[in-house]
PDB file of N, CA and C in Angstrom:
ATOM      1  N   MET A   1       1.186  14.378  -3.216  1.00  0.00           N
ATOM      2  CA  MET A   1       1.031  13.420  -2.330  1.00  0.00           C
ATOM      3  C   MET A   1       2.690  12.900  -2.245  1.00  0.00           C
ATOM      4  N   GLU A   2       3.123  13.450  -0.425  1.00  0.00           N
ATOM      5  CA  GLU A   2       4.146  12.565  -0.202  1.00  0.00           C
ATOM      6  C   GLU A   2       4.383  11.132   0.233  1.00  0.00           C
ATOM      7  N   GLY A   3       5.164  10.621  -0.386  1.00  0.00           N
ATOM      8  CA  GLY A   3       4.573   9.114  -0.398  1.00  0.00           C
ATOM      9  C   GLY A   3       4.680   7.997  -1.572  1.00  0.00           C
ATOM     10  N   VAL A   4       3.819   8.928  -2.665  1.00  0.00           N
ATOM     11  CA  VAL A   4       3.353   8.422  -3.793  1.00  0.00           C
ATOM     12  C   VAL A   4       4.392   8.722  -4.862  1.00  0.00           C
ATOM     13  N   GLU A   5       4.452   7.411  -5.819  1.00  0.00           N
ATOM     14  CA  GLU A   5       5.643   8.012  -6.849  1.00  0.00           C
ATOM     15  C   GLU A   5       4.344   7.233  -8.225  1.00  0.00           C
ATOM     16  N   TYR A   6       4.345   7.797  -9.381  1.00  0.00           N
ATOM     17  CA  TYR A   6       3.671   7.672 -10.403  1.00  0.00           C
ATOM     18  C   TYR A   6       4.559   6.575 -11.114  1.00  0.00           C
ATOM     19  N   ILE A   7       4.402   5.760 -12.173  1.00  0.00           N
ATOM     20  CA  ILE A   7       4.774   5.388 -13.054  1.00  0.00           C
ATOM     21  C   ILE A   7       4.055   5.819 -14.352  1.00  0.00           C
ATOM     22  N   TYR A   8       4.641   6.121 -15.193  1.00  0.00           N
ATOM     23  CA  TYR A   8       4.162   6.752 -16.728  1.00  0.00           C
ATOM     24  C   TYR A   8       3.981   5.419 -17.814  1.00  0.00           C
ATOM     25  N   ASP A   9       3.117   5.678 -18.571  1.00  0.00           N
ATOM     26  CA  ASP A   9       3.937   4.926 -20.449  1.00  0.00           C
ATOM     27  C   ASP A   9       4.489   5.612 -21.347  1.00  0.00           C
ATOM     28  N   GLU A  10       4.856   5.320 -21.811  1.00  0.00           N
ATOM     29  CA  GLU A  10       5.265   6.182 -23.174  1.00  0.00           C
ATOM     30  C   GLU A  10       4.720   7.189 -23.887  1.00  0.00           C
ATOM     31  N   HIS A  11       3.244   7.708 -23.420  1.00  0.00           N
ATOM     32  CA  HIS A  11       2.903   8.174 -23.794  1.00  0.00           C
ATOM     33  C   HIS A  11       2.402   9.232 -22.603  1.00  0.00           C
ATOM     34  N   GLY A  12       3.071   9.071 -21.221  1.00  0.00           N
ATOM     35  CA  GLY A  12       2.698   9.875 -20.783  1.00  0.00           C
ATOM     36  C   GLY A  12       1.257   9.797 -19.071  1.00  0.00           C
ATOM     37  N   ARG A  13       0.519   8.497 -19.991  1.00  0.00           N
ATOM     38  CA  ARG A  13      -0.529   8.449 -18.998  1.00  0.00           C
ATOM     39  C   ARG A  13      -0.447   7.871 -17.890  1.00  0.00           C
ATOM     40  N   ILE A  14      -0.847   7.787 -16.462  1.00  0.00           N
ATOM     41  CA  ILE A  14      -0.199   7.022 -15.216  1.00  0.00           C
ATOM     42  C   ILE A  14      -0.915   5.224 -15.835  1.00  0.00           C
ATOM     43  N   LYS A  15       0.490   5.014 -15.287  1.00  0.00           N
ATOM     44  CA  LYS A  15       0.177   3.593 -15.885  1.00  0.00           C
ATOM     45  C   LYS A  15       0.101   2.384 -14.375  1.00  0.00           C
ATOM     46  N   GLY A  16       0.844   2.914 -12.790  1.00  0.00           N
ATOM     47  CA  GLY A  16       0.943   2.621 -11.896  1.00  0.00           C
ATOM     48  C   GLY A  16       0.645   3.232 -11.023  1.00  0.00           C
ATOM     49  N   VAL A  17       1.138   3.080 -10.217  1.00  0.00           N
ATOM     50  CA  VAL A  17       1.652   3.837  -8.629  1.00  0.00           C
ATOM     51  C   VAL A  17       2.159   3.127  -7.322  1.00  0.00           C
ATOM     52  N   ILE A  18       3.330   3.980  -7.223  1.00  0.00           N
ATOM     53  CA  ILE A  18       3.844   3.296  -5.953  1.00  0.00           C
ATOM     54  C   ILE A  18       3.501   4.254  -4.541  1.00  0.00           C
ATOM     55  N   VAL A  19       3.075   3.319  -3.477  1.00  0.00           N
ATOM     56  CA  VAL A  19       2.920   3.960  -2.632  1.00  0.00           C
ATOM     57  C   VAL A  19       3.860   3.368  -1.281  1.00  0.00           C
ATOM     58  N   SER A  20       4.584   4.644  -0.905  1.00  0.00           N
ATOM     59  CA  SER A  20       5.235   4.252   0.201  1.00  0.00           C
ATOM     60  C   SER A  20       4.619   3.266   1.574  1.00  0.00           C
ATOM     61  N   PRO A  21       5.829   2.578   2.437  1.00  0.00           N
ATOM     62  CA  PRO A  21       5.336   1.188   3.472  1.00  0.00           C
ATOM     63  C   PRO A  21       4.553   2.610   4.785  1.00  0.00           C
ATOM     64  N   GLU A  22       5.385   3.510   4.401  1.00  0.00           N
ATOM     65  CA  GLU A  22       4.289   4.419   5.709  1.00  0.00           C
ATOM     66  C   GLU A  22       3.164   5.132   5.501  1.00  0.00           C
ATOM     67  N   LEU A  23       3.118   5.534   4.342  1.00  0.00           N
ATOM     68  CA  LEU A  23       1.347   5.852   3.720  1.00  0.00           C
ATOM     69  C   LEU A  23       0.871   4.852   3.351  1.00  0.00           C
ATOM     70  N   TRP A  24       1.085   3.367   3.404  1.00  0.00           N
ATOM     71  CA  TRP A  24       0.850   2.258   3.592  1.00  0.00           C
ATOM     72  C   TRP A  24      -0.420   2.145   4.724  1.00  0.00           C
ATOM     73  N   GLU A  25       0.277   2.200   5.389  1.00  0.00           N
ATOM     74  CA  GLU A  25       0.067   1.598   6.926  1.00  0.00           C
ATOM     75  C   GLU A  25      -1.186   2.414   7.582  1.00  0.00           C
ATOM     76  N   LYS A  26      -0.750   3.814   6.915  1.00  0.00           N
ATOM     77  CA  LYS A  26      -1.649   5.013   7.537  1.00  0.00           C
ATOM     78  C   LYS A  26      -3.274   4.991   6.706  1.00  0.00           C
ATOM     79  N   ILE A  27      -3.384   4.762   5.862  1.00  0.00           N
ATOM     80  CA  ILE A  27      -4.502   4.843   4.236  1.00  0.00           C
ATOM     81  C   ILE A  27      -5.488   3.236   4.464  1.00  0.00           C
ATOM     82  N   LYS A  28      -4.443   2.219   4.326  1.00  0.00           N
ATOM     83  CA  LYS A  28      -5.114   0.829   3.987  1.00  0.00           C
ATOM     84  C   LYS A  28      -6.624   0.330   4.890  1.00  0.00           C
ATOM     85  N   ASP A  29      -6.573   0.712   5.833  1.00  0.00           N
ATOM     86  CA  ASP A  29      -7.765   0.417   6.485  1.00  0.00           C
ATOM     87  C   ASP A  29      -9.018   1.310   6.454  1.00  0.00           C
ATOM     88  N   ARG A  30      -8.812   2.665   5.234  1.00  0.00           N
ATOM     89  CA  ARG A  30      -9.595   3.194   4.777  1.00  0.00           C
ATOM     90  C   ARG A  30     -10.012   2.433   3.476  1.00  0.00           C
ATOM     91  N   LEU A  31      -8.990   1.709   3.066  1.00  0.00           N
ATOM     92  CA  LEU A  31      -9.377   1.387   1.279  1.00  0.00           C
ATOM     93  C   LEU A  31      -9.998  -0.078   1.648  1.00  0.00           C
ATOM     94  N   PHE A  32      -9.479  -0.640   2.497  1.00  0.00           N
ATOM     95  CA  PHE A  32      -9.572  -2.449   2.333  1.00  0.00           C
ATOM     96  C   PHE A  32     -10.358  -2.754   3.478  1.00  0.00           C
ATOM     97  N   GLU A  33     -11.362  -3.196   3.979  1.00  0.00           N
ATOM     98  CA  GLU A  33     -11.917  -3.846   5.642  1.00  0.00           C
ATOM     99  C   GLU A  33     -12.191  -5.035   4.873  1.00  0.00           C
ATOM    100  N   PRO A  34     -11.327  -6.096   5.582  1.00  0.00           N
ATOM    101  CA  PRO A  34     -11.243  -7.455   4.654  1.00  0.00           C
ATOM    102  C   PRO A  34     -12.904  -8.049   5.857  1.00  0.00           C
ATOM    103  N   SER A  35     -13.002  -7.297   7.433  1.00  0.00           N
ATOM    104  CA  SER A  35     -14.151  -8.300   7.922  1.00  0.00           C
ATOM    105  C   SER A  35     -15.272  -8.047   7.346  1.00  0.00           C
ATOM    106  N   LYS A  36     -15.220  -6.727   5.968  1.00  0.00           N
ATOM    107  CA  LYS A  36     -17.246  -6.758   5.494  1.00  0.00           C
ATOM    108  C   LYS A  36     -17.140  -7.696   4.662  1.00  0.00           C
ATOM    109  N   TYR A  37     -16.248  -8.961   4.103  1.00  0.00           N
ATOM    110  CA  TYR A  37     -16.684  -9.863   3.493  1.00  0.00           C
ATOM    111  C   TYR A  37     -16.314 -11.263   4.236  1.00  0.00           C
ATOM    112  N   ARG A  38     -16.192 -11.474   5.123  1.00  0.00           N
ATOM    113  CA  ARG A  38     -16.175 -12.342   5.901  1.00  0.00           C
ATOM    114  C   ARG A  38     -18.327 -13.059   5.703  1.00  0.00           C
ATOM    115  N   GLY A  39     -17.962 -14.074   5.040  1.00  0.00           N
ATOM    116  CA  GLY A  39     -19.226 -15.004   4.899  1.00  0.00           C
ATOM    117  C   GLY A  39     -20.087 -14.999   4.089  1.00  0.00           C
ATOM    118  N   ILE A  40     -19.350 -14.036   2.775  1.00  0.00           N
ATOM    119  CA  ILE A  40     -19.829 -14.075   1.427  1.00  0.00           C
ATOM    120  C   ILE A  40     -20.672 -15.042   1.368  1.00  0.00           C
ATOM    121  N   TYR A  41     -20.135 -16.514   0.967  1.00  0.00           N
ATOM    122  CA  TYR A  41     -20.190 -17.506   0.355  1.00  0.00           C
ATOM    123  C   TYR A  41     -20.810 -18.193   1.250  1.00  0.00           C
ATOM    124  N   LYS A  42     -21.352 -18.012   2.454  1.00  0.00           N
ATOM    125  CA  LYS A  42     -21.725 -18.749   3.479  1.00  0.00           C
ATOM    126  C   LYS A  42     -23.563 -19.288   2.891  1.00  0.00           C
ATOM    127  N   GLY A  43     -23.811 -20.496   3.124  1.00  0.00           N
ATOM    128  CA  GLY A  43     -24.782 -20.692   2.568  1.00  0.00           C
ATOM    129  C   GLY A  43     -24.874 -21.006   0.995  1.00  0.00           C
ATOM    130  N   LYS A  44     -23.821 -20.391  -0.003  1.00  0.00           N
ATOM    131  CA  LYS A  44     -23.679 -20.974  -1.033  1.00  0.00           C
ATOM    132  C   LYS A  44     -24.050 -22.971  -1.265  1.00  0.00           C
ATOM    133  N   LYS A  45     -24.574 -23.240  -1.893  1.00  0.00           N
ATOM    134  CA  LYS A  45     -25.387 -24.301  -2.116  1.00  0.00           C
ATOM    135  C   LYS A  45     -24.082 -24.770  -3.621  1.00  0.00           C
ATOM    136  N   ASP A  46     -23.548 -23.990  -4.389  1.00  0.00           N
ATOM    137  CA  ASP A  46     -22.479 -24.801  -5.479  1.00  0.00           C
ATOM    138  C   ASP A  46     -21.612 -23.782  -5.153  1.00  0.00           C
ATOM    139  N   LEU A  47     -20.646 -23.528  -4.584  1.00  0.00           N
ATOM    140  CA  LEU A  47     -19.474 -22.489  -3.740  1.00  0.00           C
ATOM    141  C   LEU A  47     -18.058 -22.437  -5.249  1.00  0.00           C
ATOM    142  N   GLU A  48     -18.391 -23.909  -6.077  1.00  0.00           N
ATOM    143  CA  GLU A  48     -17.851 -23.778  -6.909  1.00  0.00           C
ATOM    144  C   GLU A  48     -18.252 -22.818  -8.285  1.00  0.00           C
ATOM    145  N   LYS A  49     -19.530 -23.248  -8.614  1.00  0.00           N
ATOM    146  CA  LYS A  49     -20.094 -22.141  -9.330  1.00  0.00           C
ATOM    147  C   LYS A  49     -19.893 -20.875  -9.082  1.00  0.00           C
ATOM    148  N   SER A  50     -20.416 -20.835  -7.665  1.00  0.00           N
ATOM    149  CA  SER A  50     -20.028 -18.690  -7.481  1.00  0.00           C
ATOM    150  C   SER A  50     -18.649 -18.444  -7.507  1.00  0.00           C
ATOM    151  N   LEU A  51     -17.976 -19.178  -7.389  1.00  0.00           N
ATOM    152  CA  LEU A  51     -15.806 -18.398  -7.138  1.00  0.00           C
ATOM    153  C   LEU A  51     -16.105 -19.068  -9.007  1.00  0.00           C
ATOM    154  N   ARG A  52     -16.703 -20.000 -10.063  1.00  0.00           N
ATOM    155  CA  ARG A  52     -16.369 -19.730 -11.233  1.00  0.00           C
ATOM    156  C   ARG A  52     -16.811 -18.037 -12.049  1.00  0.00           C
ATOM    157  N   GLU A  53     -17.908 -18.607 -11.911  1.00  0.00           N
ATOM    158  CA  GLU A  53     -18.770 -16.550 -11.737  1.00  0.00           C
ATOM    159  C   GLU A  53     -18.067 -15.665 -11.906  1.00  0.00           C
ATOM    160  N   LEU A  54     -18.100 -15.526 -10.584  1.00  0.00           N
ATOM    161  CA  LEU A  54     -16.644 -14.800  -9.863  1.00  0.00           C
ATOM    162  C   LEU A  54     -15.602 -14.312 -10.481  1.00  0.00           C
ATOM    163  N   ARG A  55     -15.060 -15.432 -11.077  1.00  0.00           N
ATOM    164  CA  ARG A  55     -13.799 -15.268 -11.798  1.00  0.00           C
ATOM    165  C   ARG A  55     -13.706 -14.569 -13.214  1.00  0.00           C
ATOM    166  N   SER A  56     -15.018 -15.533 -13.242  1.00  0.00           N
ATOM    167  CA  SER A  56     -15.445 -14.950 -14.916  1.00  0.00           C
ATOM    168  C   SER A  56     -15.384 -13.368 -15.092  1.00  0.00           C
ATOM    169  N   GLU A  57     -16.045 -12.498 -14.130  1.00  0.00           N
ATOM    170  CA  GLU A  57     -15.626 -10.965 -14.180  1.00  0.00           C
ATOM    171  C   GLU A  57     -14.575 -10.605 -14.271  1.00  0.00           C
ATOM    172  N   TRP A  58     -13.979 -11.215 -13.844  1.00  0.00           N
ATOM    173  CA  TRP A  58     -12.253 -10.505 -13.689  1.00  0.00           C
ATOM    174  C   TRP A  58     -11.832 -10.673 -14.919  1.00  0.00           C
ATOM    175  N   GLU A  59     -12.015 -12.027 -15.755  1.00  0.00           N
ATOM    176  CA  GLU A  59     -11.889 -12.150 -16.924  1.00  0.00           C
ATOM    177  C   GLU A  59     -11.544 -12.035 -18.493  1.00  0.00           C
ATOM    178  N   ARG A  60     -12.438 -10.747 -18.608  1.00  0.00           N
ATOM    179  CA  ARG A  60     -12.753 -10.082 -19.018  1.00  0.00           C
ATOM    180  C   ARG A  60     -12.473  -9.887 -20.353  1.00  0.00           C
ATOM    181  N   ASP A  61     -12.168  -9.437 -21.480  1.00  0.00           N
ATOM    182  CA  ASP A  61     -11.307  -9.178 -22.570  1.00  0.00           C
ATOM    183  C   ASP A  61     -12.087  -7.866 -22.709  1.00  0.00           C
ATOM    184  N   PHE A  62     -10.565  -7.115 -23.155  1.00  0.00           N
ATOM    185  CA  PHE A  62     -10.785  -5.214 -22.906  1.00  0.00           C
ATOM    186  C   PHE A  62     -10.086  -5.009 -24.066  1.00  0.00           C
TER     187      PHE A  62
END
């Protein structure tokens, strides 16, 4: 794909991807729509607790 560069590790597995700014501008709206997430914490009684729970999902040991 034009505008995409792959980064490989020492075993030949894809470790990362670099996307050109031109391609990013074309596809970013299809990948992430911020307005979908507006207000997801509205009405939460304990926002700090909700944020800690969300963070714990991302800090799992692999």
